[in-house]
Structure formats: structure tokens, C-alpha cells
Amino acid sequence: MPGSVPRIVMKFGGTSVGDLERIKAVAERVKKQKDAGCDVLVVVSAMAGETNKLVGYCNALSDLHDAREYDSIVATGEQVTSGLLAIALQKLGVSARSWAGWQVPIRTDSAHGKASLDTIDGARLLGSMAEGVVPVVAGFQGVGPDERITTLGRGGSDTSAVALAAAIKADRCDIYTDVDGIYTTDPRIVTKARKLEKITYEEMLELASVGAKVLQTRSVGLAMRQGVRVQVLSSFVDGPALVEGDLPGSLVVDEDEIVEKKLVTGIAYSRDEAKLSVRRIPDRPGIAAAIFGPLSEANVNVDMIVQSTGADGTTNMTFTTSKTDLPRAISTLEAVREAVQYEELVTDADVVKISVVGSGMRSHAGVASTMFRTLSERSINIQVISTSEIKVSVLVAAEYAELAVRALHTAYGLDNV
């Protein structure tokens, strides 16, 4: 605890501030937390749909627009929300003021549109809070080395909130969204999915990276590095101020805070996958570099990789990328066809990645075999496999996505969590 007064960061996503009525409801929630004796800092996203509208304006004027001007335009969505929420708080008798990223300042690098955080000086924010004023900070944005406005990429407000929580040494960062926590899997697919009381940073990072959309991957990684306790909860369910005792959402915490480590904590899926197979390549040293080097230079992110060598001196290279990167990947591979000397490039965008995640995998064998057996019993063919210390992922045909998730949720005993 940084002090006797709890210090809380409250972050509200686009659906939570989607219109003026929702902003009023958020103001009531912030007031309740403030009245409970907490020092509160608020981070907001743009109102639902606003960022898409602003991006559309940029694209309508020019496909090759200046990224610096793009950032100055799309950052206004969060600035509007922060000002409106400050006004709503003031009407309730809560002293508040809005802050743009550059006013804090939140320093980033110069990668406009997908900037990375550098430093945050929390002194002025802490001074404001000490005076009883609630800072309402525009998320998703900062200021680059050239003093131009930068944005952090989609979902960047989560990262802003965690970074600000670290900067002011907050007790907790509460992420308010349209779901009431983190579930064992997507409850829209599995009705028996259960909300998790706690989940480790590593587990949440793996789940976010393989398709779970509750938290942005970068925000989870930052929380893990900085030791920021993060709670995910719904802004659409009213409740008491969250000072102590049982918390209604799901906490993302260090592994030491979780006494019972489950074998599998959750199951995630991603439909944003495309498979590429480069076939019948002469099997010689350096062939992987000849394929993946150009893809890296073209900013194509590659995920699952399988290489199979035939008896005729050729090899096949199969890997996955995002569907959005697929056209660029195809173009890049076609450009190096003569150098690589492959015979055929086959692509398939009708696939889905299914992943099981759990820190208990470190000390238990058989997780992968349970997954393979369960899918085999339902005649689901596995196309690609990848593993990490606490994750097993497989690529299957998209038509089997829901069947696979339901079957695995049952196979690992998550229906009864």
C-alpha cells in the first residue's frame, strides 16, 4: 500500500462511455469511489464508434495519409470523453479536470499509430489528487520526441491505464468494460463457462495473445513487469465502492497470490488466423531465413511454424499469420519465389487457433495428450501445433471452432469450476 488512503485507477472503455447517459453513470460510479475515501484517477477511451469514424475520415481523404496528422485526429476522441466526464463529475459536486496525454506528460517513441510508452511523470497528477481533484486522463495517447501527439494502437487505453497506475503507485487498476470478468472461455459458446476470481499475469498474457479480447496484450505485459494488480469488471452492473473485501470482477495478479493452481485455467480461440504452406523447397541451410527474413522486413508477424522434410531432398514450410497480414505475406513470398525456389504456395484463411492455458502445466504432464485425444474423438483434424511452458495451441478448420472449445472445456473439468 502506498499510503493510508487507497489509490485506485478506474479505466472505462468505449461502450462504458458510449453516450451521455453512460457518461453520467460513470460519473456516479467515480463519485461513489471518491466518497468511500479513495484517491481516484480516471482513464477513458473514446465514445463507442468515435475512433472508427475518425479513422474513416482520414482514409476517405487519403489512403497514404500523414501518420502524424492521423494521430492528432484520432486522439481527439478520448479528449472529448475526458472533458465530458469532467463536466459530469463537476455537476455531481466532484472536483475534476481533464488531462490530455501531452499534459501529463506521457512520453512515447515516434512510431505514430502504434507508439510504445517511454516514461510517465506522475507528479502533476499526484499533486492534483492531493488537492482533492480527480484527474480524468485521455487514454490511448501520448507525446513523441518531436512533441507531436502519438497514439498507442487499438486498445491502447488499457495500456495507458496500467502505465498510469504504475506511475502513481496505485493499489489497483480497475478496467471497466462490457463484461463482468475473465471467464474460463467465451460464455457465448460455452454456457457452463465460469468467471475466474483470480488469474496470473502469465496466464492472462497467454490468453490475450491467443484470442481472448478482455484485455490488450501490451497492457497485461506491462502490468506483469510493473506489478500492477488489475481487476476486470463490468460498468453495466451497479455495486458498492471497491475499497476492500470481496471484489466483483476478476483480478490479474502475481502467481504468489494464487494458492490453488489449476491444470488448465482457460481456453481461448482466434478466428483471425491464416495458414500458408510453402511447398517443395530445396532442403538447404538458410532456407528458413530466406523465407522469414523478407516477411519480417515486410512487418508480417508469423506465429505457428512447422517444417516437414521429404525423402526427395525437398522440405515444406507451414506457418500462420493474421488474416490482415495475409495479402502482404503472399506478395512478399511471391517476390522471393525465384530465390527460394519453391514449387507451390498454398493458403487457407478458413482456420481457427484453439489454445489451452494454465500455469499448472509446469508441474503436470498429459495436457497436450488430453487435447489431442479429445479432438481426435470428435474427428477434428489438427493442422499445426505450437506450445509454450503454460500453453498448447492447435490450428483446426474453422467449422470446428465451437465444437472444439466446448469439448476441451469439458475434457479439462472446467464445466465444474
Protein backbone atom coordinates (compact mmCIF):
# COMPACT_ATOMS: atom_id res chain seq x y z
CA MET A 1 0.00 0.00 0.00
CA PRO A 2 1.50 3.34 -0.98
CA GLY A 3 -0.31 5.10 1.86
CA SER A 4 -3.28 5.01 4.24
CA VAL A 5 -5.65 6.25 1.54
CA PRO A 6 -6.36 3.67 -1.19
CA ARG A 7 -5.26 4.88 -4.59
CA ILE A 8 -7.30 3.50 -7.49
CA VAL A 9 -7.10 3.93 -11.26
CA MET A 10 -10.50 3.47 -12.93
CA LYS A 11 -10.46 2.90 -16.69
CA PHE A 12 -13.64 3.00 -18.79
CA GLY A 13 -13.82 1.60 -22.32
CA GLY A 14 -15.80 2.85 -25.28
CA THR A 15 -19.05 1.04 -24.52
CA SER A 16 -18.90 2.26 -20.92
CA VAL A 17 -18.87 5.90 -22.12
CA GLY A 18 -20.91 5.27 -25.28
CA ASP A 19 -23.33 8.19 -24.81
CA LEU A 20 -24.12 10.98 -22.36
CA GLU A 21 -26.28 8.74 -20.16
CA ARG A 22 -23.43 6.25 -19.86
CA ILE A 23 -21.01 9.07 -19.04
CA LYS A 24 -23.37 10.23 -16.27
CA ALA A 25 -23.45 6.68 -14.90
CA VAL A 26 -19.64 6.54 -14.95
CA ALA A 27 -19.51 9.85 -13.08
CA GLU A 28 -21.81 8.40 -10.39
CA ARG A 29 -19.53 5.38 -10.07
CA VAL A 30 -16.41 7.56 -9.76
CA LYS A 31 -18.13 9.73 -7.14
CA LYS A 32 -19.04 6.64 -5.13
CA GLN A 33 -15.40 5.54 -5.15
CA LYS A 34 -14.24 9.02 -4.19
CA ASP A 35 -16.83 9.30 -1.40
CA ALA A 36 -15.56 5.98 0.00
CA GLY A 37 -12.27 7.73 0.80
CA CYS A 38 -10.17 6.72 -2.20
CA ASP A 39 -7.81 8.82 -4.25
CA VAL A 40 -9.08 8.25 -7.79
CA LEU A 41 -7.57 8.73 -11.22
CA VAL A 42 -9.78 8.00 -14.24
CA VAL A 43 -8.68 6.94 -17.74
CA VAL A 44 -11.19 6.98 -20.59
CA SER A 45 -11.48 5.69 -24.13
CA ALA A 46 -13.32 7.44 -26.94
CA MET A 47 -17.09 7.02 -27.03
CA ALA A 48 -18.09 3.81 -28.85
CA GLY A 49 -17.71 4.21 -32.62
CA GLU A 50 -15.90 7.55 -32.49
CA THR A 51 -12.42 6.25 -33.28
CA ASN A 52 -13.73 4.29 -36.29
CA LYS A 53 -15.44 7.44 -37.54
CA LEU A 54 -12.25 9.49 -37.23
CA VAL A 55 -10.17 6.80 -38.92
CA GLY A 56 -12.72 6.74 -41.71
CA TYR A 57 -12.31 10.48 -42.23
CA CYS A 58 -8.55 10.05 -42.63
CA ASN A 59 -8.90 7.16 -45.08
CA ALA A 60 -11.53 8.99 -47.11
CA LEU A 61 -9.16 11.88 -47.70
CA SER A 62 -6.05 9.82 -48.44
CA ASP A 63 -5.02 6.17 -48.29
CA LEU A 64 -1.44 7.30 -47.65
CA HIS A 65 -2.16 9.96 -45.03
CA ASP A 66 0.50 11.52 -42.82
CA ALA A 67 0.68 9.30 -39.71
CA ARG A 68 1.38 12.33 -37.52
CA GLU A 69 -1.79 14.07 -38.63
CA TYR A 70 -3.68 10.79 -38.27
CA ASP A 71 -2.65 10.64 -34.61
CA SER A 72 -3.65 14.23 -33.96
CA ILE A 73 -7.10 13.46 -35.38
CA VAL A 74 -7.91 10.10 -33.78
CA ALA A 75 -6.61 11.22 -30.37
CA THR A 76 -9.45 13.75 -30.16
CA GLY A 77 -11.99 11.01 -29.39
CA GLU A 78 -10.50 10.38 -25.96
CA GLN A 79 -10.08 14.10 -25.32
CA VAL A 80 -13.80 14.68 -25.91
CA THR A 81 -14.70 11.90 -23.46
CA SER A 82 -12.34 13.16 -20.76
CA GLY A 83 -13.79 16.66 -20.96
CA LEU A 84 -17.38 15.41 -20.87
CA LEU A 85 -16.72 13.17 -17.88
CA ALA A 86 -15.00 16.02 -16.03
CA ILE A 87 -18.10 18.18 -16.59
CA ALA A 88 -20.39 15.33 -15.41
CA LEU A 89 -18.30 14.93 -12.25
CA GLN A 90 -18.33 18.65 -11.56
CA LYS A 91 -22.13 18.66 -11.81
CA LEU A 92 -22.18 15.99 -9.07
CA GLY A 93 -20.02 18.19 -6.86
CA VAL A 94 -16.79 16.30 -7.51
CA SER A 95 -13.79 18.48 -8.30
CA ALA A 96 -12.32 17.16 -11.56
CA ARG A 97 -10.30 18.21 -14.59
CA SER A 98 -9.40 16.60 -17.89
CA TRP A 99 -5.85 15.80 -18.99
CA ALA A 100 -4.58 15.11 -22.49
CA GLY A 101 -1.64 12.74 -22.78
CA TRP A 102 0.82 15.53 -23.58
CA GLN A 103 -0.21 17.48 -20.47
CA VAL A 104 0.76 14.70 -18.03
CA PRO A 105 3.15 14.16 -19.90
CA ILE A 106 3.01 10.59 -21.21
CA ARG A 107 6.20 10.23 -23.25
CA THR A 108 6.35 7.73 -26.13
CA ASP A 109 8.60 6.88 -29.05
CA SER A 110 7.90 8.30 -32.52
CA ALA A 111 6.10 5.27 -34.01
CA HIS A 112 2.89 7.10 -34.87
CA GLY A 113 -0.23 4.95 -34.80
CA LYS A 114 1.43 2.25 -32.67
CA ALA A 115 3.72 4.14 -30.32
CA SER A 116 5.40 2.48 -27.34
CA LEU A 117 5.46 4.11 -23.92
CA ASP A 118 8.71 5.61 -22.73
CA THR A 119 8.17 7.48 -19.45
CA ILE A 120 5.30 8.97 -17.46
CA ASP A 121 5.80 11.77 -14.97
CA GLY A 122 3.02 11.30 -12.42
CA ALA A 123 3.98 14.27 -10.23
CA ARG A 124 1.33 16.69 -11.52
CA LEU A 125 -1.38 14.03 -11.35
CA LEU A 126 -0.44 13.17 -7.76
CA GLY A 127 -0.47 16.87 -6.91
CA SER A 128 -3.96 17.19 -8.35
CA MET A 129 -5.18 14.17 -6.38
CA ALA A 130 -3.64 15.52 -3.18
CA GLU A 131 -5.76 18.64 -3.65
CA GLY A 132 -8.90 16.50 -3.95
CA VAL A 133 -9.22 16.90 -7.72
CA VAL A 134 -9.97 13.80 -9.79
CA PRO A 135 -7.76 13.69 -12.90
CA VAL A 136 -9.62 12.38 -15.97
CA VAL A 137 -6.91 11.33 -18.41
CA ALA A 138 -7.44 10.72 -22.11
CA GLY A 139 -6.23 7.19 -22.80
CA PHE A 140 -4.60 5.81 -25.96
CA GLN A 141 -2.29 8.79 -26.44
CA GLY A 142 0.97 10.43 -25.54
CA VAL A 143 3.58 12.78 -26.95
CA GLY A 144 6.58 11.82 -29.05
CA PRO A 145 10.18 13.09 -29.01
CA ASP A 146 9.22 15.80 -31.54
CA GLU A 147 6.39 16.99 -29.26
CA ARG A 148 3.78 15.65 -31.70
CA ILE A 149 0.75 13.74 -30.43
CA THR A 150 1.11 9.96 -30.70
CA THR A 151 -1.35 7.09 -30.26
CA LEU A 152 -0.69 3.64 -28.84
CA GLY A 153 -2.71 1.49 -31.24
CA ARG A 154 -6.12 -0.12 -30.81
CA GLY A 155 -6.86 -0.99 -27.20
CA GLY A 156 -4.16 1.44 -26.09
CA SER A 157 -6.30 2.93 -23.31
CA ASP A 158 -5.79 -0.27 -21.29
CA THR A 159 -2.05 0.24 -21.62
CA SER A 160 -2.42 3.91 -20.64
CA ALA A 161 -4.34 2.93 -17.51
CA VAL A 162 -1.83 0.31 -16.36
CA ALA A 163 1.11 2.61 -17.05
CA LEU A 164 -0.50 5.45 -15.11
CA ALA A 165 -1.27 3.07 -12.23
CA ALA A 166 2.42 2.17 -12.13
CA ALA A 167 3.46 5.83 -12.33
CA ILE A 168 1.33 6.91 -9.36
CA LYS A 169 1.90 3.63 -7.46
CA ALA A 170 -1.80 2.79 -7.36
CA ASP A 171 -3.10 -0.06 -5.23
CA ARG A 172 -5.13 -1.38 -8.14
CA CYS A 173 -6.14 -0.63 -11.72
CA ASP A 174 -9.82 -1.35 -12.37
CA ILE A 175 -10.68 -1.92 -16.04
CA TYR A 176 -14.41 -1.37 -16.56
CA THR A 177 -15.83 -2.92 -19.71
CA ASP A 178 -18.98 -4.63 -21.01
CA VAL A 179 -18.16 -8.00 -19.38
CA ASP A 180 -18.09 -8.71 -15.65
CA GLY A 181 -14.76 -10.50 -15.55
CA ILE A 182 -12.46 -13.05 -17.14
CA TYR A 183 -14.06 -16.40 -17.93
CA THR A 184 -12.71 -19.91 -18.45
CA THR A 185 -13.76 -19.47 -22.09
CA ASP A 186 -16.22 -17.46 -24.17
CA PRO A 187 -19.59 -17.79 -22.36
CA ARG A 188 -21.37 -17.15 -25.66
CA ILE A 189 -20.07 -20.52 -26.84
CA VAL A 190 -19.96 -22.48 -23.58
CA THR A 191 -22.87 -21.78 -21.25
CA LYS A 192 -21.00 -23.52 -18.39
CA ALA A 193 -18.05 -21.10 -18.65
CA ARG A 194 -17.18 -19.75 -15.21
CA LYS A 195 -15.84 -16.39 -14.10
CA LEU A 196 -12.36 -16.57 -12.59
CA GLU A 197 -11.77 -14.85 -9.25
CA LYS A 198 -8.03 -14.59 -9.94
CA ILE A 199 -5.70 -15.32 -12.84
CA THR A 200 -1.93 -14.93 -13.10
CA TYR A 201 -0.28 -12.33 -15.29
CA GLU A 202 1.34 -15.07 -17.38
CA GLU A 203 -1.95 -16.90 -17.94
CA MET A 204 -3.75 -13.69 -18.89
CA LEU A 205 -0.90 -12.71 -21.20
CA GLU A 206 -1.11 -16.05 -22.99
CA LEU A 207 -4.91 -15.89 -23.23
CA ALA A 208 -4.79 -12.32 -24.57
CA SER A 209 -2.15 -13.26 -27.13
CA VAL A 210 -4.17 -16.19 -28.50
CA GLY A 211 -7.54 -14.54 -28.89
CA ALA A 212 -9.13 -13.56 -25.57
CA LYS A 213 -10.21 -9.94 -26.07
CA VAL A 214 -10.84 -8.91 -22.47
CA LEU A 215 -7.51 -7.08 -22.09
CA GLN A 216 -4.98 -5.79 -24.58
CA THR A 217 -1.84 -7.93 -24.65
CA ARG A 218 0.53 -4.99 -24.14
CA SER A 219 -1.37 -3.85 -21.05
CA VAL A 220 -1.06 -7.28 -19.44
CA GLY A 221 2.66 -7.47 -20.18
CA LEU A 222 3.15 -4.02 -18.67
CA ALA A 223 1.12 -4.94 -15.58
CA MET A 224 3.29 -8.04 -15.10
CA ARG A 225 6.53 -6.08 -15.42
CA GLN A 226 5.37 -3.30 -13.10
CA GLY A 227 3.49 -5.47 -10.61
CA VAL A 228 0.18 -3.63 -11.11
CA ARG A 229 -2.83 -5.53 -9.79
CA VAL A 230 -5.55 -5.32 -12.44
CA GLN A 231 -9.26 -6.01 -11.97
CA VAL A 232 -11.64 -6.56 -14.89
CA LEU A 233 -15.28 -5.81 -14.13
CA SER A 234 -18.48 -4.55 -15.73
CA SER A 235 -19.51 -0.90 -15.88
CA PHE A 236 -23.09 -2.04 -16.53
CA VAL A 237 -23.61 -3.68 -13.12
CA ASP A 238 -24.03 -1.30 -10.23
CA GLY A 239 -22.34 -2.06 -6.95
CA PRO A 240 -20.58 -0.63 -3.91
CA ALA A 241 -17.31 1.25 -3.90
CA LEU A 242 -14.47 -1.23 -4.31
CA VAL A 243 -12.19 -0.44 -1.41
CA GLU A 244 -11.66 -3.72 0.42
CA GLY A 245 -13.17 -7.14 0.91
CA ASP A 246 -14.56 -9.25 -1.91
CA LEU A 247 -14.21 -7.70 -5.34
CA PRO A 248 -16.86 -8.45 -8.00
CA GLY A 249 -14.61 -8.80 -11.03
CA SER A 250 -11.57 -10.91 -11.93
CA LEU A 251 -8.13 -9.99 -10.59
CA VAL A 252 -4.96 -10.34 -12.66
CA VAL A 253 -2.18 -10.82 -10.13
CA ASP A 254 1.21 -12.35 -9.42
CA GLU A 255 1.34 -16.13 -9.20
CA ASP A 256 2.17 -15.91 -5.48
CA GLU A 257 -1.36 -14.59 -4.79
CA ILE A 258 -3.00 -17.73 -6.16
CA VAL A 259 -2.95 -20.65 -3.72
CA GLU A 260 -4.56 -23.34 -5.91
CA LYS A 261 -3.02 -23.55 -9.37
CA LYS A 262 -5.35 -25.27 -11.82
CA LEU A 263 -4.01 -27.54 -14.54
CA VAL A 264 -5.88 -25.52 -17.18
CA THR A 265 -7.22 -22.07 -16.37
CA GLY A 266 -8.88 -21.14 -19.64
CA ILE A 267 -9.47 -21.90 -23.29
CA ALA A 268 -9.19 -19.24 -25.98
CA TYR A 269 -9.76 -19.20 -29.70
CA SER A 270 -8.82 -16.87 -32.53
CA ARG A 271 -10.56 -16.66 -35.88
CA ASP A 272 -8.05 -14.07 -37.11
CA GLU A 273 -5.72 -16.75 -38.46
CA ALA A 274 -4.49 -17.67 -41.93
CA LYS A 275 -2.27 -20.60 -42.85
CA LEU A 276 0.43 -20.51 -45.54
CA SER A 277 2.31 -23.53 -46.87
CA VAL A 278 5.44 -23.06 -48.96
CA ARG A 279 5.88 -26.45 -50.62
CA ARG A 280 8.70 -28.43 -52.17
CA ILE A 281 11.59 -26.15 -51.29
CA PRO A 282 15.14 -27.40 -51.88
CA ASP A 283 16.28 -28.51 -48.41
CA ARG A 284 19.44 -26.50 -47.81
CA PRO A 285 20.91 -24.41 -44.96
CA GLY A 286 19.48 -20.91 -44.68
CA ILE A 287 16.13 -21.67 -46.29
CA ALA A 288 14.16 -20.59 -43.19
CA ALA A 289 15.99 -17.26 -43.15
CA ALA A 290 15.30 -16.81 -46.87
CA ILE A 291 11.56 -17.13 -46.17
CA PHE A 292 11.08 -15.46 -42.80
CA GLY A 293 13.64 -12.68 -43.25
CA PRO A 294 11.67 -10.95 -46.03
CA LEU A 295 8.42 -11.50 -44.11
CA SER A 296 9.92 -9.75 -41.08
CA GLU A 297 11.12 -6.86 -43.24
CA ALA A 298 7.56 -6.55 -44.59
CA ASN A 299 6.24 -6.37 -40.98
CA VAL A 300 4.37 -9.66 -41.32
CA ASN A 301 4.04 -11.30 -37.90
CA VAL A 302 4.43 -15.08 -38.05
CA ASP A 303 3.07 -17.36 -35.36
CA MET A 304 2.89 -21.16 -35.56
CA ILE A 305 5.61 -22.78 -37.69
CA VAL A 306 6.00 -26.38 -38.87
CA GLN A 307 8.73 -27.72 -41.18
CA SER A 308 8.48 -31.17 -42.73
CA THR A 309 11.26 -32.72 -44.81
CA GLY A 310 10.60 -35.28 -47.53
CA ALA A 311 12.80 -38.11 -48.78
CA ASP A 312 13.38 -36.38 -52.13
CA GLY A 313 15.56 -33.59 -50.75
CA THR A 314 12.77 -31.02 -50.50
CA THR A 315 11.02 -29.53 -47.49
CA ASN A 316 7.67 -27.90 -46.78
CA MET A 317 7.31 -24.85 -44.53
CA THR A 318 3.88 -24.18 -43.00
CA PHE A 319 3.13 -21.21 -40.75
CA THR A 320 0.33 -18.90 -39.67
CA THR A 321 -0.18 -15.17 -39.71
CA SER A 322 -3.14 -12.86 -39.16
CA LYS A 323 -5.76 -12.57 -41.87
CA THR A 324 -4.97 -8.87 -42.20
CA ASP A 325 -1.32 -9.71 -42.93
CA LEU A 326 -2.18 -12.46 -45.44
CA PRO A 327 -2.15 -10.30 -48.63
CA ARG A 328 1.22 -8.78 -47.68
CA ALA A 329 2.60 -12.23 -46.84
CA ILE A 330 1.53 -13.63 -50.21
CA SER A 331 3.02 -10.68 -52.07
CA THR A 332 6.30 -11.00 -50.16
CA LEU A 333 6.62 -14.73 -50.78
CA GLU A 334 5.82 -14.37 -54.47
CA ALA A 335 8.58 -11.78 -54.75
CA VAL A 336 11.18 -14.22 -53.37
CA ARG A 337 9.95 -17.29 -55.23
CA GLU A 338 12.91 -17.40 -57.59
CA ALA A 339 15.43 -17.01 -54.78
CA VAL A 340 13.76 -19.60 -52.54
CA GLN A 341 12.93 -21.91 -55.47
CA TYR A 342 9.72 -23.30 -54.02
CA GLU A 343 7.22 -25.00 -56.30
CA GLU A 344 3.91 -24.00 -54.74
CA LEU A 345 2.37 -21.56 -52.26
CA VAL A 346 -0.93 -22.70 -50.72
CA THR A 347 -3.00 -20.52 -48.39
CA ASP A 348 -6.05 -21.15 -46.22
CA ALA A 349 -7.90 -18.44 -44.30
CA ASP A 350 -10.67 -20.79 -43.16
CA VAL A 351 -8.91 -21.89 -39.97
CA VAL A 352 -9.09 -21.17 -36.25
CA LYS A 353 -6.49 -21.39 -33.48
CA ILE A 354 -7.59 -23.10 -30.25
CA SER A 355 -5.42 -22.71 -27.15
CA VAL A 356 -5.48 -24.18 -23.64
CA VAL A 357 -3.67 -22.15 -20.98
CA GLY A 358 -2.75 -22.88 -17.37
CA SER A 359 0.18 -22.36 -15.04
CA GLY A 360 -0.41 -25.86 -13.66
CA MET A 361 1.06 -27.26 -16.89
CA ARG A 362 4.53 -26.61 -15.48
CA SER A 363 4.17 -29.43 -12.98
CA HIS A 364 1.72 -31.77 -14.73
CA ALA A 365 2.17 -33.94 -17.80
CA GLY A 366 -0.57 -35.01 -20.20
CA VAL A 367 -2.18 -31.68 -21.06
CA ALA A 368 -1.30 -31.93 -24.73
CA SER A 369 -2.29 -35.59 -25.00
CA THR A 370 -5.70 -34.81 -23.46
CA MET A 371 -6.19 -32.09 -26.06
CA PHE A 372 -5.16 -34.32 -28.97
CA ARG A 373 -7.30 -37.23 -27.78
CA THR A 374 -10.36 -35.03 -27.22
CA LEU A 375 -10.15 -33.54 -30.71
CA SER A 376 -9.48 -36.94 -32.28
CA GLU A 377 -12.59 -38.42 -30.65
CA ARG A 378 -14.63 -35.76 -32.43
CA SER A 379 -12.86 -36.30 -35.78
CA ILE A 380 -11.26 -32.84 -35.67
CA ASN A 381 -8.01 -32.86 -37.63
CA ILE A 382 -5.07 -30.90 -36.18
CA GLN A 383 -3.16 -28.99 -38.85
CA VAL A 384 -0.45 -27.20 -36.82
CA ILE A 385 0.71 -27.40 -33.19
CA SER A 386 2.67 -24.97 -31.04
CA THR A 387 3.48 -24.97 -27.34
CA SER A 388 4.93 -22.83 -24.59
CA GLU A 389 5.54 -23.52 -20.91
CA ILE A 390 1.90 -22.86 -19.98
CA LYS A 391 0.09 -23.10 -23.32
CA VAL A 392 -0.76 -25.60 -26.05
CA SER A 393 -2.24 -24.27 -29.31
CA VAL A 394 -3.59 -26.12 -32.33
CA LEU A 395 -4.86 -24.99 -35.71
CA VAL A 396 -8.05 -26.63 -36.97
CA ALA A 397 -10.66 -25.98 -39.66
CA ALA A 398 -12.85 -23.00 -38.74
CA GLU A 399 -16.05 -25.05 -38.91
CA TYR A 400 -14.96 -26.98 -35.80
CA ALA A 401 -14.23 -23.95 -33.60
CA GLU A 402 -17.23 -24.14 -31.28
CA LEU A 403 -17.23 -27.93 -31.08
CA ALA A 404 -13.54 -27.93 -30.15
CA VAL A 405 -13.92 -25.26 -27.47
CA ARG A 406 -16.90 -26.99 -25.85
CA ALA A 407 -15.23 -30.40 -25.92
CA LEU A 408 -11.98 -29.13 -24.40
CA HIS A 409 -13.79 -27.12 -21.73
CA THR A 410 -15.44 -30.36 -20.59
CA ALA A 411 -12.31 -32.50 -21.00
CA TYR A 412 -10.27 -30.33 -18.62
CA GLY A 413 -13.02 -30.22 -15.99
CA LEU A 414 -13.75 -26.52 -16.44
CA ASP A 415 -17.52 -27.09 -16.62
CA ASN A 416 -17.40 -27.73 -12.89
CA VAL A 417 -15.04 -24.96 -11.77
